[in-house]
Amino acid sequence: MMQFASLQGFLRTILIILLIYYGLKIISRFLTPFLVKYLSKKAEKRFGQEFGQQGPPPHSKHKEGETVIDKMPESSSNSKKEIGEYVDYEEID
């Protein structure tokens, strides 16, 4: 004995699938901000644990905002040296 699906059962199944799809879509719009906030706090905590172990640098003898140069750059006396030979050329017609 074969059983055939009725049109009413088929439409009911399609309607249930659509209701579930749009229901999850609407619920996800409300829950997404909370989920993003939770994940960002979790990532911030993990980031703080990894990089918080280094701690602030020890007190230095320089005042805050003061510009300090640790090493002076070498003078650019190399720019006066000849790098190559100048070649004069003529255009040939």
N, C-alpha and C. Protein backbone atom coordinates (compact mmCIF):
# COMPACT_ATOMS: atom_id res chain seq x y z
N MET A 1 0.84 -1.17 0.00
CA MET A 1 0.00 0.00 0.00
C MET A 1 0.89 1.25 0.00
N MET A 2 0.70 2.15 -0.94
CA MET A 2 1.49 3.36 -1.05
C MET A 2 0.75 4.52 -0.40
N GLN A 3 1.52 5.37 0.23
CA GLN A 3 0.93 6.56 0.83
C GLN A 3 1.42 7.79 0.08
N PHE A 4 0.51 8.65 -0.24
CA PHE A 4 0.85 9.88 -0.93
C PHE A 4 0.71 11.05 0.02
N ALA A 5 1.60 12.02 -0.14
CA ALA A 5 1.55 13.21 0.70
C ALA A 5 0.44 14.10 0.17
N SER A 6 -0.33 14.61 1.10
CA SER A 6 -1.41 15.49 0.69
C SER A 6 -0.88 16.91 0.50
N LEU A 7 -1.58 17.68 -0.26
CA LEU A 7 -1.19 19.08 -0.50
C LEU A 7 -1.23 19.87 0.80
N GLN A 8 -2.19 19.55 1.65
CA GLN A 8 -2.31 20.24 2.92
C GLN A 8 -1.11 19.95 3.82
N GLY A 9 -0.63 18.74 3.86
CA GLY A 9 0.54 18.37 4.66
C GLY A 9 1.81 19.02 4.13
N PHE A 10 1.92 19.09 2.79
CA PHE A 10 3.08 19.72 2.17
C PHE A 10 3.12 21.22 2.50
N LEU A 11 2.00 21.90 2.37
CA LEU A 11 1.94 23.33 2.68
C LEU A 11 2.20 23.59 4.15
N ARG A 12 1.70 22.68 4.99
CA ARG A 12 1.93 22.82 6.43
C ARG A 12 3.42 22.70 6.75
N THR A 13 4.11 21.76 6.11
CA THR A 13 5.54 21.57 6.32
C THR A 13 6.32 22.79 5.85
N ILE A 14 5.98 23.32 4.68
CA ILE A 14 6.65 24.52 4.16
C ILE A 14 6.41 25.69 5.11
N LEU A 15 5.21 25.84 5.62
CA LEU A 15 4.89 26.93 6.55
C LEU A 15 5.70 26.80 7.84
N ILE A 16 5.83 25.61 8.36
CA ILE A 16 6.61 25.40 9.59
C ILE A 16 8.08 25.73 9.35
N ILE A 17 8.61 25.32 8.21
CA ILE A 17 10.01 25.62 7.90
C ILE A 17 10.23 27.13 7.80
N LEU A 18 9.31 27.83 7.13
CA LEU A 18 9.43 29.29 7.00
C LEU A 18 9.31 29.98 8.36
N LEU A 19 8.39 29.52 9.20
CA LEU A 19 8.23 30.12 10.53
C LEU A 19 9.49 29.93 11.37
N ILE A 20 10.06 28.74 11.31
CA ILE A 20 11.30 28.49 12.06
C ILE A 20 12.42 29.37 11.53
N TYR A 21 12.55 29.48 10.20
CA TYR A 21 13.61 30.29 9.59
C TYR A 21 13.49 31.75 10.01
N TYR A 22 12.31 32.33 9.82
CA TYR A 22 12.14 33.74 10.16
C TYR A 22 12.16 33.98 11.66
N GLY A 23 11.72 33.01 12.45
CA GLY A 23 11.80 33.12 13.90
C GLY A 23 13.24 33.18 14.37
N LEU A 24 14.08 32.30 13.83
CA LEU A 24 15.50 32.33 14.19
C LEU A 24 16.17 33.62 13.71
N LYS A 25 15.74 34.12 12.57
CA LYS A 25 16.30 35.36 12.04
C LYS A 25 15.97 36.54 12.96
N ILE A 26 14.75 36.61 13.43
CA ILE A 26 14.34 37.70 14.33
C ILE A 26 15.03 37.57 15.68
N ILE A 27 15.08 36.36 16.22
CA ILE A 27 15.73 36.14 17.52
C ILE A 27 17.22 36.46 17.43
N SER A 28 17.85 36.12 16.30
CA SER A 28 19.28 36.41 16.17
C SER A 28 19.55 37.91 16.13
N ARG A 29 18.62 38.69 15.60
CA ARG A 29 18.80 40.14 15.61
C ARG A 29 18.84 40.70 17.03
N PHE A 30 18.09 40.11 17.91
CA PHE A 30 18.08 40.58 19.29
C PHE A 30 19.24 40.03 20.10
N LEU A 31 19.67 38.83 19.80
CA LEU A 31 20.73 38.19 20.59
C LEU A 31 22.14 38.52 20.10
N THR A 32 22.30 38.95 18.86
CA THR A 32 23.62 39.23 18.31
C THR A 32 24.37 40.29 19.09
N PRO A 33 23.76 41.44 19.47
CA PRO A 33 24.52 42.44 20.24
C PRO A 33 25.04 41.90 21.57
N PHE A 34 24.25 41.09 22.23
CA PHE A 34 24.69 40.51 23.50
C PHE A 34 25.83 39.53 23.28
N LEU A 35 25.74 38.75 22.22
CA LEU A 35 26.79 37.79 21.92
C LEU A 35 28.09 38.50 21.56
N VAL A 36 28.01 39.56 20.77
CA VAL A 36 29.20 40.32 20.39
C VAL A 36 29.83 40.97 21.61
N LYS A 37 29.00 41.53 22.48
CA LYS A 37 29.51 42.16 23.70
C LYS A 37 30.21 41.13 24.59
N TYR A 38 29.63 39.96 24.72
CA TYR A 38 30.22 38.90 25.53
C TYR A 38 31.57 38.46 24.96
N LEU A 39 31.62 38.27 23.63
CA LEU A 39 32.86 37.82 23.01
C LEU A 39 33.94 38.89 23.08
N SER A 40 33.55 40.17 22.95
CA SER A 40 34.56 41.22 23.04
C SER A 40 35.12 41.34 24.46
N LYS A 41 34.28 41.18 25.47
CA LYS A 41 34.78 41.21 26.84
C LYS A 41 35.72 40.03 27.10
N LYS A 42 35.36 38.89 26.55
CA LYS A 42 36.20 37.71 26.74
C LYS A 42 37.55 37.90 26.06
N ALA A 43 37.55 38.46 24.84
CA ALA A 43 38.81 38.71 24.13
C ALA A 43 39.63 39.78 24.85
N GLU A 44 38.97 40.79 25.39
CA GLU A 44 39.68 41.84 26.13
C GLU A 44 40.34 41.27 27.37
N LYS A 45 39.64 40.40 28.06
CA LYS A 45 40.21 39.78 29.26
C LYS A 45 41.42 38.92 28.90
N ARG A 46 41.31 38.15 27.81
CA ARG A 46 42.42 37.31 27.38
C ARG A 46 43.61 38.18 26.95
N PHE A 47 43.33 39.27 26.24
CA PHE A 47 44.39 40.18 25.82
C PHE A 47 45.07 40.81 27.03
N GLY A 48 44.28 41.19 28.02
CA GLY A 48 44.83 41.79 29.23
C GLY A 48 45.69 40.83 30.01
N GLN A 49 45.31 39.56 30.01
CA GLN A 49 46.11 38.57 30.73
C GLN A 49 47.44 38.33 30.03
N GLU A 50 47.43 38.31 28.70
CA GLU A 50 48.67 38.05 27.98
C GLU A 50 49.64 39.21 28.08
N PHE A 51 49.15 40.41 27.88
CA PHE A 51 50.03 41.57 27.83
C PHE A 51 50.10 42.32 29.15
N GLY A 52 49.25 41.99 30.08
CA GLY A 52 49.29 42.64 31.38
C GLY A 52 50.42 42.15 32.25
N GLN A 53 51.00 41.02 31.90
CA GLN A 53 52.08 40.45 32.69
C GLN A 53 53.36 41.27 32.55
N GLN A 54 53.49 41.99 31.45
CA GLN A 54 54.69 42.77 31.24
C GLN A 54 54.74 43.94 32.22
N GLY A 55 53.62 44.51 32.50
CA GLY A 55 53.55 45.59 33.46
C GLY A 55 54.07 46.90 32.91
N PRO A 56 53.87 47.96 33.66
CA PRO A 56 54.37 49.26 33.20
C PRO A 56 55.88 49.34 33.33
N PRO A 57 56.53 50.17 32.52
CA PRO A 57 57.98 50.28 32.63
C PRO A 57 58.37 50.92 33.96
N PRO A 58 59.55 50.61 34.46
CA PRO A 58 59.98 51.21 35.73
C PRO A 58 60.15 52.72 35.57
N HIS A 59 60.12 53.41 36.69
CA HIS A 59 60.23 54.86 36.67
C HIS A 59 61.57 55.27 36.07
N SER A 60 61.53 56.21 35.16
CA SER A 60 62.76 56.66 34.53
C SER A 60 63.11 58.04 35.07
N LYS A 61 64.31 58.49 34.78
CA LYS A 61 64.77 59.77 35.29
C LYS A 61 64.29 60.93 34.43
N HIS A 62 63.57 60.63 33.35
CA HIS A 62 63.06 61.68 32.47
C HIS A 62 61.62 62.02 32.83
N LYS A 63 61.28 63.28 32.64
CA LYS A 63 59.92 63.73 32.92
C LYS A 63 59.00 63.27 31.80
N GLU A 64 57.72 63.16 32.13
CA GLU A 64 56.74 62.76 31.14
C GLU A 64 56.60 63.86 30.08
N GLY A 65 56.61 63.47 28.83
CA GLY A 65 56.49 64.43 27.74
C GLY A 65 57.81 64.96 27.24
N GLU A 66 58.90 64.64 27.91
CA GLU A 66 60.22 65.11 27.50
C GLU A 66 60.74 64.24 26.36
N THR A 67 61.32 64.87 25.36
CA THR A 67 61.88 64.15 24.23
C THR A 67 63.30 63.74 24.55
N VAL A 68 63.58 62.45 24.39
CA VAL A 68 64.90 61.92 24.72
C VAL A 68 65.43 61.19 23.49
N ILE A 69 66.65 61.52 23.11
CA ILE A 69 67.31 60.84 21.99
C ILE A 69 68.41 59.97 22.57
N ASP A 70 68.27 58.68 22.42
CA ASP A 70 69.25 57.75 22.99
C ASP A 70 70.50 57.67 22.13
N LYS A 71 70.34 57.74 20.82
CA LYS A 71 71.46 57.52 19.93
C LYS A 71 71.37 58.51 18.78
N MET A 72 72.46 59.21 18.53
CA MET A 72 72.49 60.16 17.42
C MET A 72 72.74 59.39 16.13
N PRO A 73 72.06 59.75 15.05
CA PRO A 73 72.32 59.07 13.78
C PRO A 73 73.68 59.46 13.22
N GLU A 74 74.25 58.56 12.45
CA GLU A 74 75.55 58.83 11.86
C GLU A 74 75.40 59.95 10.84
N SER A 75 76.46 60.74 10.70
CA SER A 75 76.41 61.85 9.74
C SER A 75 76.32 61.29 8.33
N SER A 76 75.68 62.02 7.46
CA SER A 76 75.48 61.54 6.10
C SER A 76 76.60 62.02 5.18
N SER A 77 77.83 61.73 5.53
CA SER A 77 78.97 62.10 4.71
C SER A 77 79.08 61.18 3.50
N ASN A 78 78.35 60.09 3.49
CA ASN A 78 78.38 59.16 2.38
C ASN A 78 77.73 59.75 1.13
N SER A 79 76.90 60.76 1.27
CA SER A 79 76.18 61.30 0.12
C SER A 79 77.10 62.06 -0.82
N LYS A 80 78.26 62.50 -0.37
CA LYS A 80 79.18 63.23 -1.21
C LYS A 80 80.07 62.31 -2.05
N LYS A 81 80.11 61.07 -1.70
CA LYS A 81 80.92 60.12 -2.45
C LYS A 81 80.30 59.89 -3.82
N GLU A 82 81.16 59.64 -4.82
CA GLU A 82 80.65 59.36 -6.15
C GLU A 82 80.16 57.92 -6.21
N ILE A 83 78.97 57.78 -6.65
CA ILE A 83 78.39 56.45 -6.72
C ILE A 83 78.74 55.79 -8.04
N GLY A 84 78.72 56.58 -9.11
CA GLY A 84 79.00 56.00 -10.42
C GLY A 84 79.61 57.05 -11.33
N GLU A 85 79.75 56.68 -12.56
CA GLU A 85 80.37 57.56 -13.54
C GLU A 85 79.28 58.15 -14.41
N TYR A 86 79.37 59.45 -14.69
CA TYR A 86 78.40 60.11 -15.53
C TYR A 86 78.74 59.82 -16.97
N VAL A 87 77.76 59.38 -17.73
CA VAL A 87 77.97 59.05 -19.14
C VAL A 87 77.15 60.00 -19.97
N ASP A 88 77.83 60.75 -20.86
CA ASP A 88 77.16 61.67 -21.75
C ASP A 88 76.71 60.88 -22.98
N TYR A 89 75.53 61.12 -23.48
CA TYR A 89 75.07 60.38 -24.63
C TYR A 89 74.47 61.33 -25.65
N GLU A 90 74.38 60.86 -26.85
CA GLU A 90 73.77 61.62 -27.93
C GLU A 90 72.69 60.76 -28.56
N GLU A 91 71.65 61.42 -28.99
CA GLU A 91 70.57 60.69 -29.66
C GLU A 91 70.95 60.45 -31.10
N ILE A 92 70.66 59.29 -31.59
CA ILE A 92 70.95 58.93 -32.98
C ILE A 92 69.63 58.93 -33.73
N ASP A 93 69.64 59.65 -34.86
CA ASP A 93 68.41 59.71 -35.67
C ASP A 93 68.21 58.46 -36.46
